[in-house]
Amino acid sequence: QVDVVESGGGLVQPGGSLTLLCAASGSSFRISAMGWYRQVPGKQREMVAEILIAGKATYADSVKGRFIISRDNDKSTVTLEMNSLKPEDTAIYYCNTVHGSQVNNNWGPGTQVTVSY
């Protein structure tokens, strides 16, 4: 089991950039794929980006070309670099483990990202 803590959220203007950090604890991080997900209150959570153990990444079409996910297995961290941010990117962002293409159903507090003037 891996526990995660998200940080780095905040208020940013449209067109700006922000980088989120996911710090993980537990012995299974090195054998877990990881992902970033986001949710607007009242709506369903959606996948933003996922990264395999060796580093292969996939992205939602809505963020492809703007966001970059990366991981450091020695430091047990996952980052999400967000560029050219849009108001529709506003959401609570969560980090979690992925096993067999299924996301862990235990979620942390997430970190709020607000894109607005």
N, C-alpha and C. Protein backbone atom coordinates (compact mmCIF):
# COMPACT_ATOMS: atom_id res chain seq x y z
N GLN A 1 0.84 -1.19 0.00
CA GLN A 1 0.00 0.00 0.00
C GLN A 1 0.88 1.25 0.00
N VAL A 2 0.49 2.24 -0.81
CA VAL A 2 1.23 3.49 -0.92
C VAL A 2 0.34 4.64 -0.47
N ASP A 3 0.85 5.47 0.43
CA ASP A 3 0.17 6.69 0.85
C ASP A 3 0.79 7.87 0.12
N VAL A 4 -0.05 8.81 -0.31
CA VAL A 4 0.43 9.95 -1.08
C VAL A 4 -0.07 11.25 -0.47
N VAL A 5 0.73 12.31 -0.64
CA VAL A 5 0.36 13.65 -0.23
C VAL A 5 0.63 14.58 -1.40
N GLU A 6 -0.41 15.31 -1.84
CA GLU A 6 -0.29 16.23 -2.96
C GLU A 6 -0.02 17.65 -2.46
N SER A 7 0.75 18.41 -3.23
CA SER A 7 1.02 19.80 -2.89
C SER A 7 1.33 20.57 -4.17
N GLY A 8 1.37 21.90 -4.06
CA GLY A 8 1.74 22.74 -5.19
C GLY A 8 0.59 23.47 -5.84
N GLY A 9 -0.65 23.21 -5.43
CA GLY A 9 -1.79 23.88 -6.02
C GLY A 9 -1.84 25.35 -5.62
N GLY A 10 -2.72 26.09 -6.28
CA GLY A 10 -2.87 27.49 -5.99
C GLY A 10 -3.64 28.22 -7.07
N LEU A 11 -3.57 29.55 -7.04
CA LEU A 11 -4.25 30.39 -8.01
C LEU A 11 -3.26 30.84 -9.08
N VAL A 12 -3.64 30.67 -10.34
CA VAL A 12 -2.78 31.07 -11.45
C VAL A 12 -3.66 31.67 -12.55
N GLN A 13 -3.13 32.66 -13.27
CA GLN A 13 -3.88 33.29 -14.35
C GLN A 13 -3.89 32.42 -15.60
N PRO A 14 -4.91 32.54 -16.44
CA PRO A 14 -4.94 31.79 -17.71
C PRO A 14 -3.67 32.03 -18.50
N GLY A 15 -3.13 30.94 -19.07
CA GLY A 15 -1.88 31.02 -19.80
C GLY A 15 -0.65 30.79 -18.95
N GLY A 16 -0.82 30.76 -17.64
CA GLY A 16 0.28 30.57 -16.73
C GLY A 16 0.64 29.11 -16.54
N SER A 17 1.60 28.87 -15.64
CA SER A 17 2.09 27.52 -15.37
C SER A 17 2.09 27.22 -13.89
N LEU A 18 2.01 25.95 -13.56
CA LEU A 18 2.03 25.49 -12.18
C LEU A 18 2.51 24.05 -12.17
N THR A 19 3.28 23.68 -11.16
CA THR A 19 3.78 22.32 -11.03
C THR A 19 3.30 21.70 -9.73
N LEU A 20 2.68 20.55 -9.83
CA LEU A 20 2.18 19.83 -8.67
C LEU A 20 3.15 18.73 -8.27
N LEU A 21 3.22 18.44 -6.98
CA LEU A 21 4.11 17.42 -6.46
C LEU A 21 3.31 16.38 -5.68
N CYS A 22 3.62 15.12 -5.92
CA CYS A 22 3.04 14.01 -5.19
C CYS A 22 4.17 13.29 -4.47
N ALA A 23 4.14 13.31 -3.15
CA ALA A 23 5.14 12.62 -2.34
C ALA A 23 4.53 11.34 -1.79
N ALA A 24 5.16 10.22 -2.06
CA ALA A 24 4.62 8.92 -1.68
C ALA A 24 5.44 8.28 -0.57
N SER A 25 4.78 7.47 0.21
CA SER A 25 5.44 6.68 1.25
C SER A 25 4.96 5.24 1.14
N GLY A 26 5.80 4.31 1.58
CA GLY A 26 5.47 2.91 1.47
C GLY A 26 6.48 2.18 0.61
N SER A 27 6.52 0.89 0.76
CA SER A 27 7.54 0.08 0.08
C SER A 27 7.18 -0.32 -1.34
N SER A 28 5.96 -0.05 -1.79
CA SER A 28 5.50 -0.52 -3.09
C SER A 28 5.53 0.53 -4.19
N PHE A 29 6.05 1.74 -3.93
CA PHE A 29 6.06 2.80 -4.93
C PHE A 29 6.81 2.37 -6.19
N ARG A 30 7.94 1.73 -6.03
CA ARG A 30 8.79 1.37 -7.16
C ARG A 30 8.15 0.32 -8.07
N ILE A 31 7.11 -0.35 -7.64
CA ILE A 31 6.42 -1.34 -8.46
C ILE A 31 5.00 -0.90 -8.79
N SER A 32 4.72 0.38 -8.67
CA SER A 32 3.39 0.91 -8.94
C SER A 32 3.42 1.94 -10.05
N ALA A 33 2.52 1.78 -11.02
CA ALA A 33 2.26 2.87 -11.94
C ALA A 33 1.54 3.97 -11.16
N MET A 34 1.67 5.22 -11.61
CA MET A 34 1.09 6.35 -10.89
C MET A 34 0.28 7.21 -11.85
N GLY A 35 -0.63 7.98 -11.27
CA GLY A 35 -1.45 8.84 -12.10
C GLY A 35 -1.90 10.09 -11.39
N TRP A 36 -2.24 11.11 -12.17
CA TRP A 36 -2.86 12.33 -11.68
C TRP A 36 -4.29 12.38 -12.20
N TYR A 37 -5.22 12.78 -11.34
CA TYR A 37 -6.65 12.83 -11.66
C TYR A 37 -7.21 14.14 -11.13
N ARG A 38 -8.31 14.60 -11.68
CA ARG A 38 -8.89 15.84 -11.21
C ARG A 38 -10.40 15.73 -11.15
N GLN A 39 -11.00 16.53 -10.27
CA GLN A 39 -12.43 16.48 -10.07
C GLN A 39 -12.97 17.86 -9.72
N VAL A 40 -14.05 18.23 -10.37
CA VAL A 40 -14.81 19.43 -10.03
C VAL A 40 -15.96 18.99 -9.12
N PRO A 41 -16.21 19.70 -8.03
CA PRO A 41 -17.31 19.31 -7.14
C PRO A 41 -18.62 19.11 -7.89
N GLY A 42 -19.28 17.97 -7.64
CA GLY A 42 -20.52 17.65 -8.32
C GLY A 42 -20.37 16.90 -9.62
N LYS A 43 -19.13 16.74 -10.09
CA LYS A 43 -18.87 16.03 -11.33
C LYS A 43 -17.94 14.85 -11.09
N GLN A 44 -17.85 13.95 -12.07
CA GLN A 44 -17.04 12.76 -11.94
C GLN A 44 -15.55 13.08 -12.06
N ARG A 45 -14.75 12.29 -11.34
CA ARG A 45 -13.31 12.42 -11.43
C ARG A 45 -12.84 11.92 -12.80
N GLU A 46 -11.83 12.59 -13.37
CA GLU A 46 -11.30 12.20 -14.66
C GLU A 46 -9.79 12.04 -14.61
N MET A 47 -9.27 11.16 -15.47
CA MET A 47 -7.84 10.95 -15.56
C MET A 47 -7.19 12.11 -16.30
N VAL A 48 -6.08 12.58 -15.78
CA VAL A 48 -5.32 13.65 -16.40
C VAL A 48 -4.07 13.08 -17.09
N ALA A 49 -3.30 12.30 -16.34
CA ALA A 49 -2.08 11.72 -16.87
C ALA A 49 -1.69 10.51 -16.03
N GLU A 50 -1.08 9.52 -16.66
CA GLU A 50 -0.59 8.34 -15.96
C GLU A 50 0.81 8.02 -16.46
N ILE A 51 1.61 7.43 -15.57
CA ILE A 51 2.98 7.10 -15.92
C ILE A 51 3.32 5.72 -15.38
N LEU A 52 3.92 4.89 -16.22
CA LEU A 52 4.31 3.55 -15.83
C LEU A 52 5.60 3.58 -15.02
N ILE A 53 5.96 2.43 -14.46
CA ILE A 53 7.13 2.34 -13.59
C ILE A 53 8.39 2.80 -14.31
N ALA A 54 8.53 2.41 -15.58
CA ALA A 54 9.72 2.75 -16.35
C ALA A 54 9.67 4.14 -16.97
N GLY A 55 8.51 4.82 -16.88
CA GLY A 55 8.44 6.19 -17.32
C GLY A 55 7.56 6.51 -18.51
N LYS A 56 6.95 5.51 -19.15
CA LYS A 56 6.06 5.79 -20.28
C LYS A 56 4.81 6.50 -19.78
N ALA A 57 4.46 7.60 -20.42
CA ALA A 57 3.35 8.44 -19.97
C ALA A 57 2.22 8.49 -20.99
N THR A 58 1.00 8.64 -20.48
CA THR A 58 -0.18 8.85 -21.30
C THR A 58 -0.94 10.05 -20.74
N TYR A 59 -1.68 10.75 -21.61
CA TYR A 59 -2.37 11.97 -21.21
C TYR A 59 -3.80 11.99 -21.74
N ALA A 60 -4.66 12.67 -21.01
CA ALA A 60 -5.99 12.95 -21.52
C ALA A 60 -5.87 13.90 -22.70
N ASP A 61 -6.76 13.77 -23.67
CA ASP A 61 -6.70 14.63 -24.85
C ASP A 61 -6.78 16.11 -24.49
N SER A 62 -7.50 16.44 -23.43
CA SER A 62 -7.70 17.82 -23.05
C SER A 62 -6.43 18.51 -22.54
N VAL A 63 -5.43 17.72 -22.12
CA VAL A 63 -4.19 18.30 -21.58
C VAL A 63 -2.97 17.94 -22.39
N LYS A 64 -3.11 17.10 -23.39
CA LYS A 64 -1.99 16.65 -24.21
C LYS A 64 -1.30 17.85 -24.87
N GLY A 65 0.03 17.88 -24.73
CA GLY A 65 0.80 18.98 -25.28
C GLY A 65 0.98 20.14 -24.33
N ARG A 66 0.23 20.15 -23.21
CA ARG A 66 0.33 21.22 -22.22
C ARG A 66 0.88 20.73 -20.88
N PHE A 67 0.57 19.50 -20.51
CA PHE A 67 0.99 18.94 -19.21
C PHE A 67 2.07 17.89 -19.43
N ILE A 68 2.95 17.74 -18.44
CA ILE A 68 4.00 16.72 -18.46
C ILE A 68 4.05 16.03 -17.10
N ILE A 69 3.90 14.70 -17.11
CA ILE A 69 4.01 13.92 -15.89
C ILE A 69 5.39 13.25 -15.85
N SER A 70 5.99 13.19 -14.67
CA SER A 70 7.29 12.55 -14.52
C SER A 70 7.38 11.94 -13.13
N ARG A 71 8.35 11.04 -12.93
CA ARG A 71 8.51 10.40 -11.63
C ARG A 71 9.98 10.20 -11.32
N ASP A 72 10.28 10.16 -10.02
CA ASP A 72 11.61 9.89 -9.52
C ASP A 72 11.47 8.73 -8.54
N ASN A 73 11.83 7.54 -8.98
CA ASN A 73 11.63 6.36 -8.15
C ASN A 73 12.54 6.34 -6.93
N ASP A 74 13.69 7.00 -7.01
CA ASP A 74 14.59 7.07 -5.86
C ASP A 74 14.02 7.96 -4.76
N LYS A 75 13.33 9.03 -5.15
CA LYS A 75 12.74 9.96 -4.20
C LYS A 75 11.28 9.67 -3.90
N SER A 76 10.70 8.71 -4.61
CA SER A 76 9.29 8.34 -4.45
C SER A 76 8.38 9.55 -4.66
N THR A 77 8.61 10.28 -5.75
CA THR A 77 7.81 11.45 -6.06
C THR A 77 7.31 11.39 -7.50
N VAL A 78 6.18 12.05 -7.73
CA VAL A 78 5.60 12.21 -9.06
C VAL A 78 5.22 13.67 -9.22
N THR A 79 5.57 14.28 -10.34
CA THR A 79 5.24 15.67 -10.59
C THR A 79 4.32 15.80 -11.79
N LEU A 80 3.58 16.90 -11.81
CA LEU A 80 2.74 17.23 -12.96
C LEU A 80 3.01 18.68 -13.31
N GLU A 81 3.73 18.90 -14.42
CA GLU A 81 3.99 20.23 -14.91
C GLU A 81 2.83 20.67 -15.79
N MET A 82 2.19 21.77 -15.43
CA MET A 82 1.02 22.26 -16.14
C MET A 82 1.36 23.60 -16.78
N ASN A 83 1.21 23.68 -18.09
CA ASN A 83 1.51 24.89 -18.84
C ASN A 83 0.29 25.33 -19.64
N SER A 84 0.30 26.59 -20.07
CA SER A 84 -0.80 27.15 -20.85
C SER A 84 -2.14 26.84 -20.21
N LEU A 85 -2.24 27.09 -18.93
CA LEU A 85 -3.44 26.73 -18.17
C LEU A 85 -4.67 27.49 -18.64
N LYS A 86 -5.80 26.80 -18.59
CA LYS A 86 -7.08 27.34 -19.00
C LYS A 86 -8.06 27.32 -17.83
N PRO A 87 -9.07 28.17 -17.83
CA PRO A 87 -10.06 28.15 -16.74
C PRO A 87 -10.68 26.77 -16.53
N GLU A 88 -10.86 26.00 -17.59
CA GLU A 88 -11.45 24.68 -17.48
C GLU A 88 -10.53 23.67 -16.81
N ASP A 89 -9.28 24.04 -16.54
CA ASP A 89 -8.37 23.18 -15.78
C ASP A 89 -8.62 23.30 -14.28
N THR A 90 -9.45 24.24 -13.87
CA THR A 90 -9.75 24.43 -12.46
C THR A 90 -10.40 23.17 -11.88
N ALA A 91 -9.80 22.62 -10.82
CA ALA A 91 -10.30 21.39 -10.20
C ALA A 91 -9.43 21.06 -9.00
N ILE A 92 -9.84 20.04 -8.26
CA ILE A 92 -9.00 19.45 -7.24
C ILE A 92 -8.21 18.32 -7.91
N TYR A 93 -6.91 18.35 -7.75
CA TYR A 93 -6.04 17.37 -8.40
C TYR A 93 -5.57 16.34 -7.38
N TYR A 94 -5.67 15.06 -7.76
CA TYR A 94 -5.31 13.95 -6.89
C TYR A 94 -4.22 13.09 -7.54
N CYS A 95 -3.39 12.51 -6.72
CA CYS A 95 -2.38 11.54 -7.14
C CYS A 95 -2.75 10.18 -6.57
N ASN A 96 -2.50 9.11 -7.32
CA ASN A 96 -2.81 7.79 -6.81
C ASN A 96 -2.04 6.71 -7.57
N THR A 97 -2.06 5.50 -7.02
CA THR A 97 -1.42 4.35 -7.65
C THR A 97 -2.37 3.69 -8.64
N VAL A 98 -1.79 2.98 -9.60
CA VAL A 98 -2.55 2.28 -10.63
C VAL A 98 -2.04 0.84 -10.70
N HIS A 99 -2.96 -0.11 -10.62
CA HIS A 99 -2.60 -1.52 -10.70
C HIS A 99 -3.51 -2.22 -11.70
N GLY A 100 -2.91 -2.84 -12.70
CA GLY A 100 -3.69 -3.53 -13.71
C GLY A 100 -4.70 -2.62 -14.40
N SER A 101 -4.32 -1.39 -14.66
CA SER A 101 -5.15 -0.37 -15.32
C SER A 101 -6.29 0.12 -14.44
N GLN A 102 -6.31 -0.27 -13.16
CA GLN A 102 -7.34 0.19 -12.24
C GLN A 102 -6.72 1.08 -11.16
N VAL A 103 -7.35 2.22 -10.91
CA VAL A 103 -6.85 3.17 -9.94
C VAL A 103 -7.27 2.76 -8.53
N ASN A 104 -6.37 2.92 -7.58
CA ASN A 104 -6.66 2.68 -6.18
C ASN A 104 -7.89 3.50 -5.77
N ASN A 105 -8.83 2.88 -5.06
CA ASN A 105 -10.05 3.59 -4.70
C ASN A 105 -9.95 4.34 -3.37
N ASN A 106 -8.77 4.37 -2.77
CA ASN A 106 -8.51 5.18 -1.58
C ASN A 106 -7.84 6.48 -2.02
N TRP A 107 -8.50 7.62 -1.75
CA TRP A 107 -8.03 8.91 -2.23
C TRP A 107 -7.58 9.81 -1.09
N GLY A 108 -6.53 10.59 -1.36
CA GLY A 108 -6.05 11.56 -0.40
C GLY A 108 -6.81 12.86 -0.50
N PRO A 109 -6.32 13.92 0.15
CA PRO A 109 -7.03 15.21 0.16
C PRO A 109 -6.95 15.99 -1.15
N GLY A 110 -5.94 15.70 -1.96
CA GLY A 110 -5.78 16.43 -3.22
C GLY A 110 -5.25 17.83 -2.98
N THR A 111 -5.08 18.58 -4.07
CA THR A 111 -4.63 19.96 -3.99
C THR A 111 -5.42 20.79 -5.00
N GLN A 112 -5.90 21.95 -4.57
CA GLN A 112 -6.78 22.78 -5.39
C GLN A 112 -5.98 23.61 -6.39
N VAL A 113 -6.41 23.58 -7.66
CA VAL A 113 -5.84 24.42 -8.71
C VAL A 113 -6.96 25.30 -9.25
N THR A 114 -6.75 26.60 -9.21
CA THR A 114 -7.73 27.55 -9.70
C THR A 114 -7.08 28.43 -10.77
N VAL A 115 -7.66 28.42 -11.96
CA VAL A 115 -7.15 29.22 -13.08
C VAL A 115 -8.13 30.35 -13.33
N SER A 116 -7.74 31.57 -12.99
CA SER A 116 -8.64 32.71 -13.08
C SER A 116 -7.84 33.99 -12.98
N TYR A 117 -8.45 35.10 -13.47
CA TYR A 117 -7.81 36.41 -13.33
C TYR A 117 -8.03 36.95 -11.94
